[in-house]
Amino acid sequence: MSDNEKNESALDKSLDDMMSNEKNTDNKDDKKAKIKESSTVLYKLQLNELKELLEKEKQKSLRLLADYQNLEKQTVARINARGDKIILDFLTVYEDFIRAKNAYEKEGGNVGSLNGIIKNMESILDHYQVKPIEAEGKKLDPKLHEVVQEIEDPNHEEGTIVKEIAKGYIIRDEVIKYSKVCVSKKLIKK
C-alpha cells in the first residue's frame, strides 16, 4: 500500500468515525428529545389529572357550602317559627290586657297600672317588629284579612271593612295573625 492509499484509507476511516459519531450524537439527541417528549406528555397527563381532581374537590366544597347554607336557613326558619309561636301566645295575653282595660274603663275603674303594662308589652312587640294590621275602613285584602261576616251597608262601598272583630298582626312583613273582619256587601233590593 502506498502512502496515498494509506492516507485515503485513514481519511475514509476518519470520515466513517465522524459519521458514526454524528449518528451516535443524533441517536443521543433523538433519545433526549424522546425522553423530553415523553416527560412532557407525562407531565401533561399528571396536570390534567390534578385539574380534574381540583375540579372535583371544588364541586364537593361548593356542595358542602350549599348544604351548610341550606341548614343555616332551615335553622333560622325553625327559630323564627318557634319565636312566632311565642309571639302569638304573647299577643293573646296582650289582647287580654286590652280587653281587661276596656272593661275596667266602662266600670269607672283605675286603669293606670294596666296602661303601663300595655305600654311595656307594645314596646316588646315593637322590638320584635310586630305591627298591627290596619283594617276598619280599608278595602278587604285576603292576604291580611279573614272575613267572618258580611253586612249590608249602604254607607260603604262593597268589600270595605266595616268592623274589626279580632286584630291581626304582621311580623317581618309576614302575617302572623289574620284580622277577623266584617265587610260590607251590596244591598239586595226586594
N, C-alpha and C. Protein backbone atom coordinates (compact mmCIF):
# COMPACT_ATOMS: atom_id res chain seq x y z
N MET A 1 0.83 -1.15 0.00
CA MET A 1 0.00 0.00 0.00
C MET A 1 0.89 1.23 0.00
N SER A 2 0.47 2.10 -0.83
CA SER A 2 1.27 3.31 -0.95
C SER A 2 0.83 4.30 0.11
N ASP A 3 1.64 5.34 0.22
CA ASP A 3 1.32 6.37 1.21
C ASP A 3 0.01 7.05 0.88
N ASN A 4 -0.25 7.23 -0.38
CA ASN A 4 -1.50 7.84 -0.80
C ASN A 4 -2.69 6.99 -0.40
N GLU A 5 -2.53 5.73 -0.63
CA GLU A 5 -3.62 4.81 -0.29
C GLU A 5 -3.82 4.78 1.22
N LYS A 6 -2.71 4.84 1.97
CA LYS A 6 -2.81 4.83 3.43
C LYS A 6 -3.53 6.10 3.90
N ASN A 7 -3.17 7.22 3.31
CA ASN A 7 -3.81 8.48 3.70
C ASN A 7 -5.30 8.46 3.36
N GLU A 8 -5.61 7.93 2.17
CA GLU A 8 -7.02 7.85 1.78
C GLU A 8 -7.77 6.94 2.72
N SER A 9 -7.16 5.85 3.08
CA SER A 9 -7.80 4.89 3.98
C SER A 9 -8.00 5.53 5.36
N ALA A 10 -7.01 6.26 5.83
CA ALA A 10 -7.12 6.92 7.13
C ALA A 10 -8.20 7.99 7.07
N LEU A 11 -8.23 8.70 5.95
CA LEU A 11 -9.24 9.74 5.77
C LEU A 11 -10.64 9.13 5.74
N ASP A 12 -10.78 8.03 5.01
CA ASP A 12 -12.08 7.34 4.97
C ASP A 12 -12.49 6.88 6.36
N LYS A 13 -11.49 6.34 7.09
CA LYS A 13 -11.78 5.85 8.44
C LYS A 13 -12.20 7.01 9.32
N SER A 14 -11.51 8.11 9.18
CA SER A 14 -11.81 9.30 9.95
C SER A 14 -13.21 9.81 9.63
N LEU A 15 -13.53 9.82 8.33
CA LEU A 15 -14.87 10.25 7.92
C LEU A 15 -15.92 9.29 8.47
N ASP A 16 -15.61 7.99 8.40
CA ASP A 16 -16.55 7.00 8.94
C ASP A 16 -16.75 7.21 10.44
N ASP A 17 -15.64 7.48 11.13
CA ASP A 17 -15.74 7.72 12.57
C ASP A 17 -16.59 8.96 12.87
N MET A 18 -16.35 10.00 12.08
CA MET A 18 -17.13 11.23 12.26
C MET A 18 -18.61 10.98 12.00
N MET A 19 -18.87 10.24 10.94
CA MET A 19 -20.26 9.93 10.60
C MET A 19 -20.88 9.09 11.71
N SER A 20 -20.10 8.16 12.19
CA SER A 20 -20.58 7.29 13.25
C SER A 20 -20.85 8.13 14.51
N ASN A 21 -19.93 9.04 14.81
CA ASN A 21 -20.12 9.91 15.97
C ASN A 21 -21.36 10.79 15.80
N GLU A 22 -21.54 11.30 14.58
CA GLU A 22 -22.72 12.12 14.31
C GLU A 22 -23.99 11.30 14.48
N LYS A 23 -23.95 10.04 13.99
CA LYS A 23 -25.12 9.17 14.16
C LYS A 23 -25.37 8.92 15.64
N ASN A 24 -24.28 8.67 16.37
CA ASN A 24 -24.43 8.45 17.82
C ASN A 24 -24.98 9.72 18.49
N THR A 25 -24.44 10.85 18.05
CA THR A 25 -24.92 12.12 18.60
C THR A 25 -26.38 12.32 18.23
N ASP A 26 -26.71 12.03 16.96
CA ASP A 26 -28.10 12.14 16.53
C ASP A 26 -28.97 11.19 17.33
N ASN A 27 -28.49 9.97 17.53
CA ASN A 27 -29.23 8.99 18.34
C ASN A 27 -29.41 9.51 19.75
N LYS A 28 -28.33 10.09 20.30
CA LYS A 28 -28.42 10.62 21.66
C LYS A 28 -29.41 11.79 21.70
N ASP A 29 -29.32 12.66 20.68
CA ASP A 29 -30.26 13.78 20.62
C ASP A 29 -31.68 13.29 20.46
N ASP A 30 -31.87 12.28 19.59
CA ASP A 30 -33.20 11.69 19.42
C ASP A 30 -33.70 11.11 20.73
N LYS A 31 -32.80 10.40 21.42
CA LYS A 31 -33.19 9.80 22.70
C LYS A 31 -33.57 10.88 23.70
N LYS A 32 -32.73 11.93 23.75
CA LYS A 32 -33.03 13.04 24.67
C LYS A 32 -34.37 13.69 24.30
N ALA A 33 -34.58 13.91 23.01
CA ALA A 33 -35.83 14.52 22.56
C ALA A 33 -37.01 13.63 22.91
N LYS A 34 -36.84 12.31 22.70
CA LYS A 34 -37.92 11.38 23.03
C LYS A 34 -38.19 11.37 24.53
N ILE A 35 -37.11 11.42 25.31
CA ILE A 35 -37.27 11.45 26.77
C ILE A 35 -37.99 12.73 27.19
N LYS A 36 -37.55 13.86 26.62
CA LYS A 36 -38.21 15.13 26.92
C LYS A 36 -39.68 15.09 26.51
N GLU A 37 -39.92 14.55 25.33
CA GLU A 37 -41.30 14.47 24.81
C GLU A 37 -42.15 13.59 25.71
N SER A 38 -41.63 12.44 26.10
CA SER A 38 -42.41 11.54 26.96
C SER A 38 -42.59 12.16 28.34
N SER A 39 -41.59 12.89 28.83
CA SER A 39 -41.73 13.59 30.12
C SER A 39 -42.81 14.66 30.02
N THR A 40 -42.82 15.40 28.91
CA THR A 40 -43.82 16.43 28.70
C THR A 40 -45.22 15.82 28.66
N VAL A 41 -45.35 14.73 27.94
CA VAL A 41 -46.64 14.04 27.86
C VAL A 41 -47.06 13.57 29.25
N LEU A 42 -46.11 13.01 29.99
CA LEU A 42 -46.39 12.54 31.35
C LEU A 42 -46.83 13.70 32.24
N TYR A 43 -46.11 14.83 32.16
CA TYR A 43 -46.48 16.00 32.96
C TYR A 43 -47.86 16.52 32.57
N LYS A 44 -48.15 16.51 31.29
CA LYS A 44 -49.47 16.97 30.84
C LYS A 44 -50.57 16.07 31.37
N LEU A 45 -50.31 14.75 31.35
CA LEU A 45 -51.30 13.81 31.89
C LEU A 45 -51.49 14.05 33.39
N GLN A 46 -50.38 14.21 34.10
CA GLN A 46 -50.48 14.46 35.54
C GLN A 46 -51.19 15.79 35.80
N LEU A 47 -50.89 16.80 35.00
CA LEU A 47 -51.54 18.10 35.14
C LEU A 47 -53.04 17.98 34.92
N ASN A 48 -53.44 17.23 33.89
CA ASN A 48 -54.87 17.02 33.62
C ASN A 48 -55.54 16.28 34.76
N GLU A 49 -54.85 15.26 35.31
CA GLU A 49 -55.41 14.52 36.44
C GLU A 49 -55.58 15.44 37.64
N LEU A 50 -54.58 16.29 37.88
CA LEU A 50 -54.66 17.22 39.01
C LEU A 50 -55.77 18.25 38.79
N LYS A 51 -55.93 18.70 37.56
CA LYS A 51 -57.02 19.64 37.26
C LYS A 51 -58.37 18.99 37.51
N GLU A 52 -58.53 17.73 37.09
CA GLU A 52 -59.79 17.01 37.32
C GLU A 52 -60.04 16.84 38.81
N LEU A 53 -58.99 16.47 39.54
CA LEU A 53 -59.11 16.30 40.98
C LEU A 53 -59.48 17.62 41.64
N LEU A 54 -58.83 18.69 41.22
CA LEU A 54 -59.13 20.01 41.76
C LEU A 54 -60.59 20.39 41.48
N GLU A 55 -61.06 20.13 40.28
CA GLU A 55 -62.45 20.45 39.91
C GLU A 55 -63.43 19.63 40.76
N LYS A 56 -63.11 18.34 40.96
CA LYS A 56 -63.98 17.50 41.80
C LYS A 56 -64.04 18.04 43.22
N GLU A 57 -62.88 18.42 43.76
CA GLU A 57 -62.84 18.95 45.12
C GLU A 57 -63.56 20.29 45.21
N LYS A 58 -63.42 21.09 44.16
CA LYS A 58 -64.12 22.37 44.12
C LYS A 58 -65.63 22.15 44.13
N GLN A 59 -66.11 21.22 43.31
CA GLN A 59 -67.54 20.91 43.27
C GLN A 59 -68.01 20.37 44.62
N LYS A 60 -67.18 19.54 45.22
CA LYS A 60 -67.52 18.97 46.53
C LYS A 60 -67.63 20.08 47.57
N SER A 61 -66.68 21.01 47.56
CA SER A 61 -66.73 22.10 48.54
C SER A 61 -67.92 23.01 48.28
N LEU A 62 -68.28 23.23 47.01
CA LEU A 62 -69.46 24.04 46.70
C LEU A 62 -70.73 23.37 47.19
N ARG A 63 -70.81 22.04 47.03
CA ARG A 63 -71.98 21.31 47.53
C ARG A 63 -72.05 21.39 49.06
N LEU A 64 -70.89 21.26 49.71
CA LEU A 64 -70.87 21.35 51.16
C LEU A 64 -71.29 22.75 51.62
N LEU A 65 -70.82 23.77 50.92
CA LEU A 65 -71.21 25.13 51.26
C LEU A 65 -72.71 25.32 51.07
N ALA A 66 -73.25 24.81 49.98
CA ALA A 66 -74.70 24.92 49.73
C ALA A 66 -75.48 24.18 50.81
N ASP A 67 -75.01 22.99 51.19
CA ASP A 67 -75.68 22.23 52.25
C ASP A 67 -75.66 23.02 53.56
N TYR A 68 -74.52 23.62 53.87
CA TYR A 68 -74.40 24.41 55.09
C TYR A 68 -75.35 25.60 55.06
N GLN A 69 -75.38 26.30 53.92
CA GLN A 69 -76.27 27.46 53.82
C GLN A 69 -77.73 27.05 53.94
N ASN A 70 -78.11 25.91 53.36
CA ASN A 70 -79.48 25.41 53.49
C ASN A 70 -79.80 25.07 54.94
N LEU A 71 -78.85 24.42 55.61
CA LEU A 71 -79.05 24.08 57.02
C LEU A 71 -79.21 25.34 57.85
N GLU A 72 -78.38 26.33 57.55
CA GLU A 72 -78.46 27.60 58.28
C GLU A 72 -79.83 28.25 58.07
N LYS A 73 -80.33 28.26 56.83
CA LYS A 73 -81.65 28.83 56.54
C LYS A 73 -82.75 28.06 57.27
N GLN A 74 -82.64 26.72 57.26
CA GLN A 74 -83.65 25.91 57.94
C GLN A 74 -83.64 26.18 59.44
N THR A 75 -82.44 26.32 59.99
CA THR A 75 -82.32 26.60 61.42
C THR A 75 -82.95 27.94 61.76
N VAL A 76 -82.64 28.95 60.97
CA VAL A 76 -83.23 30.28 61.19
C VAL A 76 -84.75 30.21 61.05
N ALA A 77 -85.24 29.48 60.06
CA ALA A 77 -86.69 29.34 59.87
C ALA A 77 -87.33 28.66 61.07
N ARG A 78 -86.67 27.60 61.59
CA ARG A 78 -87.21 26.91 62.77
C ARG A 78 -87.22 27.83 63.99
N ILE A 79 -86.14 28.59 64.15
CA ILE A 79 -86.08 29.52 65.28
C ILE A 79 -87.16 30.58 65.13
N ASN A 80 -87.31 31.12 63.91
CA ASN A 80 -88.35 32.12 63.68
C ASN A 80 -89.73 31.54 63.92
N ALA A 81 -89.95 30.29 63.49
CA ALA A 81 -91.25 29.66 63.70
C ALA A 81 -91.54 29.52 65.19
N ARG A 82 -90.52 29.10 65.95
CA ARG A 82 -90.71 28.99 67.41
C ARG A 82 -90.96 30.36 68.00
N GLY A 83 -90.18 31.34 67.54
CA GLY A 83 -90.36 32.71 68.03
C GLY A 83 -91.73 33.25 67.68
N ASP A 84 -92.19 32.97 66.46
CA ASP A 84 -93.51 33.41 66.04
C ASP A 84 -94.60 32.78 66.91
N LYS A 85 -94.41 31.52 67.28
CA LYS A 85 -95.39 30.84 68.14
C LYS A 85 -95.43 31.52 69.51
N ILE A 86 -94.26 31.84 70.03
CA ILE A 86 -94.20 32.52 71.33
C ILE A 86 -94.86 33.90 71.23
N ILE A 87 -94.59 34.61 70.14
CA ILE A 87 -95.18 35.93 69.95
C ILE A 87 -96.70 35.82 69.82
N LEU A 88 -97.19 34.79 69.14
CA LEU A 88 -98.64 34.58 69.05
C LEU A 88 -99.25 34.40 70.44
N ASP A 89 -98.58 33.59 71.26
CA ASP A 89 -99.05 33.40 72.64
C ASP A 89 -99.02 34.72 73.40
N PHE A 90 -97.96 35.49 73.20
CA PHE A 90 -97.81 36.79 73.85
C PHE A 90 -98.92 37.74 73.40
N LEU A 91 -99.27 37.69 72.10
CA LEU A 91 -100.34 38.55 71.58
C LEU A 91 -101.68 38.24 72.24
N THR A 92 -101.91 36.97 72.54
CA THR A 92 -103.15 36.58 73.22
C THR A 92 -103.21 37.25 74.60
N VAL A 93 -102.11 37.21 75.32
CA VAL A 93 -102.06 37.84 76.65
C VAL A 93 -102.22 39.36 76.51
N TYR A 94 -101.54 39.93 75.53
CA TYR A 94 -101.62 41.38 75.27
C TYR A 94 -103.07 41.79 75.01
N GLU A 95 -103.76 41.03 74.16
CA GLU A 95 -105.15 41.36 73.85
C GLU A 95 -106.05 41.18 75.08
N ASP A 96 -105.73 40.20 75.93
CA ASP A 96 -106.49 40.03 77.18
C ASP A 96 -106.34 41.27 78.07
N PHE A 97 -105.14 41.81 78.14
CA PHE A 97 -104.92 43.03 78.93
C PHE A 97 -105.72 44.20 78.36
N ILE A 98 -105.77 44.31 77.04
CA ILE A 98 -106.54 45.41 76.42
C ILE A 98 -108.02 45.25 76.73
N ARG A 99 -108.53 44.00 76.65
CA ARG A 99 -109.95 43.77 76.97
C ARG A 99 -110.22 44.08 78.44
N ALA A 100 -109.30 43.69 79.32
CA ALA A 100 -109.47 43.98 80.76
C ALA A 100 -109.49 45.49 81.00
N LYS A 101 -108.59 46.20 80.34
CA LYS A 101 -108.53 47.67 80.48
C LYS A 101 -109.85 48.30 80.03
N ASN A 102 -110.35 47.85 78.87
CA ASN A 102 -111.62 48.39 78.36
C ASN A 102 -112.77 48.10 79.31
N ALA A 103 -112.79 46.92 79.91
CA ALA A 103 -113.85 46.56 80.85
C ALA A 103 -113.75 47.43 82.11
N TYR A 104 -112.54 47.63 82.63
CA TYR A 104 -112.38 48.48 83.82
C TYR A 104 -112.77 49.93 83.53
N GLU A 105 -112.44 50.41 82.34
CA GLU A 105 -112.80 51.78 81.98
C GLU A 105 -114.32 51.96 81.96
N LYS A 106 -115.04 50.96 81.45
CA LYS A 106 -116.51 51.04 81.39
C LYS A 106 -117.09 51.11 82.80
N GLU A 107 -116.46 50.40 83.73
CA GLU A 107 -116.96 50.38 85.11
C GLU A 107 -116.43 51.56 85.92
N GLY A 108 -115.58 52.38 85.30
CA GLY A 108 -115.06 53.55 86.01
C GLY A 108 -113.86 53.23 86.88
N GLY A 109 -113.24 52.08 86.67
CA GLY A 109 -112.08 51.69 87.48
C GLY A 109 -110.80 52.39 87.05
N ASN A 110 -109.79 52.31 87.91
CA ASN A 110 -108.49 52.91 87.63
C ASN A 110 -107.70 51.98 86.71
N VAL A 111 -107.34 52.48 85.54
CA VAL A 111 -106.64 51.65 84.55
C VAL A 111 -105.19 52.10 84.35
N GLY A 112 -104.68 52.96 85.24
CA GLY A 112 -103.32 53.48 85.10
C GLY A 112 -102.26 52.40 85.06
N SER A 113 -102.36 51.43 85.97
CA SER A 113 -101.35 50.37 86.01
C SER A 113 -101.47 49.46 84.78
N LEU A 114 -102.71 49.23 84.33
CA LEU A 114 -102.89 48.42 83.12
C LEU A 114 -102.30 49.13 81.90
N ASN A 115 -102.45 50.46 81.85
CA ASN A 115 -101.86 51.21 80.74
C ASN A 115 -100.34 51.06 80.71
N GLY A 116 -99.72 51.07 81.88
CA GLY A 116 -98.26 50.88 81.97
C GLY A 116 -97.83 49.52 81.46
N ILE A 117 -98.58 48.50 81.86
CA ILE A 117 -98.27 47.13 81.41
C ILE A 117 -98.45 47.02 79.90
N ILE A 118 -99.54 47.57 79.40
CA ILE A 118 -99.82 47.51 77.95
C ILE A 118 -98.73 48.24 77.17
N LYS A 119 -98.28 49.38 77.69
CA LYS A 119 -97.19 50.12 77.01
C LYS A 119 -95.92 49.27 76.95
N ASN A 120 -95.60 48.60 78.05
CA ASN A 120 -94.41 47.73 78.06
C ASN A 120 -94.56 46.60 77.04
N MET A 121 -95.75 46.03 76.97
CA MET A 121 -95.99 44.95 76.01
C MET A 121 -95.85 45.46 74.58
N GLU A 122 -96.36 46.66 74.33
CA GLU A 122 -96.27 47.24 72.99
C GLU A 122 -94.82 47.53 72.60
N SER A 123 -94.00 47.92 73.57
CA SER A 123 -92.58 48.16 73.26
C SER A 123 -91.88 46.84 72.93
N ILE A 124 -92.28 45.76 73.59
CA ILE A 124 -91.72 44.44 73.27
C ILE A 124 -92.13 44.03 71.85
N LEU A 125 -93.41 44.21 71.54
CA LEU A 125 -93.89 43.88 70.19
C LEU A 125 -93.17 44.72 69.13
N ASP A 126 -92.97 45.99 69.43
CA ASP A 126 -92.26 46.87 68.50
C ASP A 126 -90.81 46.40 68.31
N HIS A 127 -90.19 45.98 69.39
CA HIS A 127 -88.81 45.49 69.32
C HIS A 127 -88.69 44.29 68.37
N TYR A 128 -89.70 43.44 68.38
CA TYR A 128 -89.69 42.26 67.51
C TYR A 128 -90.38 42.51 66.17
N GLN A 129 -90.60 43.77 65.85
CA GLN A 129 -91.16 44.21 64.56
C GLN A 129 -92.57 43.65 64.32
N VAL A 130 -93.32 43.53 65.39
CA VAL A 130 -94.71 43.08 65.28
C VAL A 130 -95.58 44.33 65.15
N LYS A 131 -96.32 44.40 64.06
CA LYS A 131 -97.15 45.57 63.79
C LYS A 131 -98.60 45.12 63.62
N PRO A 132 -99.56 45.94 64.12
CA PRO A 132 -100.97 45.61 63.90
C PRO A 132 -101.35 45.86 62.45
N ILE A 133 -102.29 45.08 61.96
CA ILE A 133 -102.80 45.26 60.60
C ILE A 133 -103.95 46.25 60.66
N GLU A 134 -103.87 47.27 59.85
CA GLU A 134 -104.96 48.25 59.77
C GLU A 134 -106.14 47.58 59.06
N ALA A 135 -107.34 47.79 59.59
CA ALA A 135 -108.48 47.10 59.00
C ALA A 135 -109.68 48.01 58.76
N GLU A 136 -110.26 48.57 59.81
CA GLU A 136 -111.53 49.31 59.66
C GLU A 136 -111.41 50.44 58.65
N GLY A 137 -112.40 50.46 57.72
CA GLY A 137 -112.44 51.49 56.69
C GLY A 137 -111.57 51.16 55.48
N LYS A 138 -110.76 50.12 55.56
CA LYS A 138 -109.88 49.74 54.45
C LYS A 138 -110.60 48.76 53.53
N LYS A 139 -110.07 48.63 52.33
CA LYS A 139 -110.57 47.63 51.38
C LYS A 139 -110.11 46.25 51.86
N LEU A 140 -110.94 45.25 51.68
CA LEU A 140 -110.59 43.89 52.07
C LEU A 140 -109.37 43.41 51.28
N ASP A 141 -108.39 42.88 52.01
CA ASP A 141 -107.20 42.28 51.39
C ASP A 141 -107.10 40.85 51.93
N PRO A 142 -107.40 39.83 51.10
CA PRO A 142 -107.38 38.45 51.57
C PRO A 142 -106.02 38.00 52.11
N LYS A 143 -104.97 38.74 51.77
CA LYS A 143 -103.64 38.39 52.29
C LYS A 143 -103.47 38.84 53.74
N LEU A 144 -104.38 39.74 54.20
CA LEU A 144 -104.27 40.28 55.55
C LEU A 144 -105.51 40.04 56.41
N HIS A 145 -106.66 39.92 55.75
CA HIS A 145 -107.93 39.87 56.49
C HIS A 145 -108.69 38.57 56.22
N GLU A 146 -109.38 38.13 57.27
CA GLU A 146 -110.26 36.96 57.15
C GLU A 146 -111.69 37.43 57.40
N VAL A 147 -112.55 37.22 56.42
CA VAL A 147 -113.95 37.67 56.54
C VAL A 147 -114.71 36.66 57.40
N VAL A 148 -115.33 37.18 58.47
CA VAL A 148 -116.16 36.32 59.32
C VAL A 148 -117.64 36.65 59.17
N GLN A 149 -117.92 37.83 58.57
CA GLN A 149 -119.32 38.21 58.39
C GLN A 149 -119.42 39.26 57.28
N GLU A 150 -120.52 39.19 56.53
CA GLU A 150 -120.83 40.22 55.53
C GLU A 150 -122.06 40.97 55.99
N ILE A 151 -122.01 42.28 55.88
CA ILE A 151 -123.11 43.13 56.35
C ILE A 151 -123.57 44.02 55.20
N GLU A 152 -124.90 44.09 55.01
CA GLU A 152 -125.44 45.03 54.02
C GLU A 152 -125.33 46.42 54.61
N ASP A 153 -124.57 47.28 53.94
CA ASP A 153 -124.34 48.62 54.47
C ASP A 153 -124.34 49.63 53.32
N PRO A 154 -125.36 50.50 53.29
CA PRO A 154 -125.44 51.47 52.19
C PRO A 154 -124.39 52.58 52.30
N ASN A 155 -123.78 52.73 53.46
CA ASN A 155 -122.81 53.80 53.68
C ASN A 155 -121.40 53.46 53.21
N HIS A 156 -121.16 52.19 52.89
CA HIS A 156 -119.81 51.77 52.49
C HIS A 156 -119.85 51.06 51.14
N GLU A 157 -118.76 51.20 50.42
CA GLU A 157 -118.60 50.50 49.15
C GLU A 157 -118.45 49.00 49.44
N GLU A 158 -118.89 48.18 48.50
CA GLU A 158 -118.79 46.73 48.68
C GLU A 158 -117.32 46.32 48.88
N GLY A 159 -117.10 45.43 49.84
CA GLY A 159 -115.74 44.93 50.11
C GLY A 159 -114.96 45.80 51.08
N THR A 160 -115.62 46.80 51.65
CA THR A 160 -114.95 47.66 52.64
C THR A 160 -115.12 47.03 54.01
N ILE A 161 -114.07 47.08 54.80
CA ILE A 161 -114.14 46.52 56.16
C ILE A 161 -114.90 47.50 57.04
N VAL A 162 -116.02 47.00 57.58
CA VAL A 162 -116.90 47.83 58.39
C VAL A 162 -116.54 47.71 59.87
N LYS A 163 -116.14 46.52 60.27
CA LYS A 163 -115.85 46.29 61.68
C LYS A 163 -114.74 45.25 61.80
N GLU A 164 -113.88 45.48 62.79
CA GLU A 164 -112.81 44.51 63.06
C GLU A 164 -113.22 43.71 64.29
N ILE A 165 -113.34 42.40 64.13
CA ILE A 165 -113.72 41.52 65.23
C ILE A 165 -112.50 41.17 66.07
N ALA A 166 -111.40 40.82 65.41
CA ALA A 166 -110.16 40.49 66.12
C ALA A 166 -108.99 41.09 65.34
N LYS A 167 -108.09 41.71 66.09
CA LYS A 167 -106.94 42.39 65.50
C LYS A 167 -106.01 41.38 64.84
N GLY A 168 -105.42 41.79 63.72
CA GLY A 168 -104.42 40.98 63.04
C GLY A 168 -103.04 41.62 63.18
N TYR A 169 -101.99 40.82 62.97
CA TYR A 169 -100.63 41.32 63.14
C TYR A 169 -99.71 40.77 62.06
N ILE A 170 -98.69 41.57 61.74
CA ILE A 170 -97.63 41.12 60.83
C ILE A 170 -96.30 41.20 61.58
N ILE A 171 -95.40 40.32 61.21
CA ILE A 171 -94.05 40.33 61.76
C ILE A 171 -93.09 40.14 60.59
N ARG A 172 -92.11 41.01 60.52
CA ARG A 172 -91.12 40.96 59.42
C ARG A 172 -91.82 40.83 58.06
N ASP A 173 -92.85 41.62 57.87
CA ASP A 173 -93.61 41.66 56.61
C ASP A 173 -94.35 40.36 56.28
N GLU A 174 -94.58 39.52 57.28
CA GLU A 174 -95.37 38.29 57.09
C GLU A 174 -96.51 38.30 58.09
N VAL A 175 -97.66 37.82 57.65
CA VAL A 175 -98.82 37.77 58.55
C VAL A 175 -98.59 36.68 59.59
N ILE A 176 -98.72 37.08 60.85
CA ILE A 176 -98.61 36.10 61.93
C ILE A 176 -100.01 35.75 62.45
N LYS A 177 -100.94 36.72 62.29
CA LYS A 177 -102.33 36.50 62.69
C LYS A 177 -103.21 37.38 61.80
N TYR A 178 -104.16 36.76 61.12
CA TYR A 178 -105.06 37.49 60.22
C TYR A 178 -106.09 38.28 61.03
N SER A 179 -106.44 39.45 60.52
CA SER A 179 -107.52 40.23 61.12
C SER A 179 -108.84 39.54 60.79
N LYS A 180 -109.69 39.38 61.78
CA LYS A 180 -111.03 38.84 61.55
C LYS A 180 -111.95 40.05 61.41
N VAL A 181 -112.65 40.12 60.26
CA VAL A 181 -113.38 41.35 59.94
C VAL A 181 -114.78 41.08 59.40
N CYS A 182 -115.60 42.14 59.49
CA CYS A 182 -116.91 42.18 58.84
C CYS A 182 -116.77 43.13 57.66
N VAL A 183 -117.29 42.72 56.51
CA VAL A 183 -117.19 43.56 55.31
C VAL A 183 -118.58 43.91 54.80
N SER A 184 -118.64 45.02 54.09
CA SER A 184 -119.92 45.44 53.51
C SER A 184 -120.17 44.68 52.22
N LYS A 185 -121.46 44.48 51.95
CA LYS A 185 -121.84 43.87 50.67
C LYS A 185 -122.96 44.70 50.08
N LYS A 186 -123.24 44.44 48.82
CA LYS A 186 -124.29 45.19 48.12
C LYS A 186 -125.64 44.95 48.78
N LEU A 187 -126.44 46.00 48.77
CA LEU A 187 -127.81 45.85 49.26
C LEU A 187 -128.62 45.06 48.24
N ILE A 188 -129.35 44.13 48.74
CA ILE A 188 -130.22 43.34 47.85
C ILE A 188 -131.59 44.00 47.85
N LYS A 189 -131.97 44.50 46.69
CA LYS A 189 -133.27 45.18 46.57
C LYS A 189 -134.36 44.14 46.37
N LYS A 190 -135.43 44.32 47.12
CA LYS A 190 -136.53 43.37 47.04
C LYS A 190 -137.65 43.92 46.23
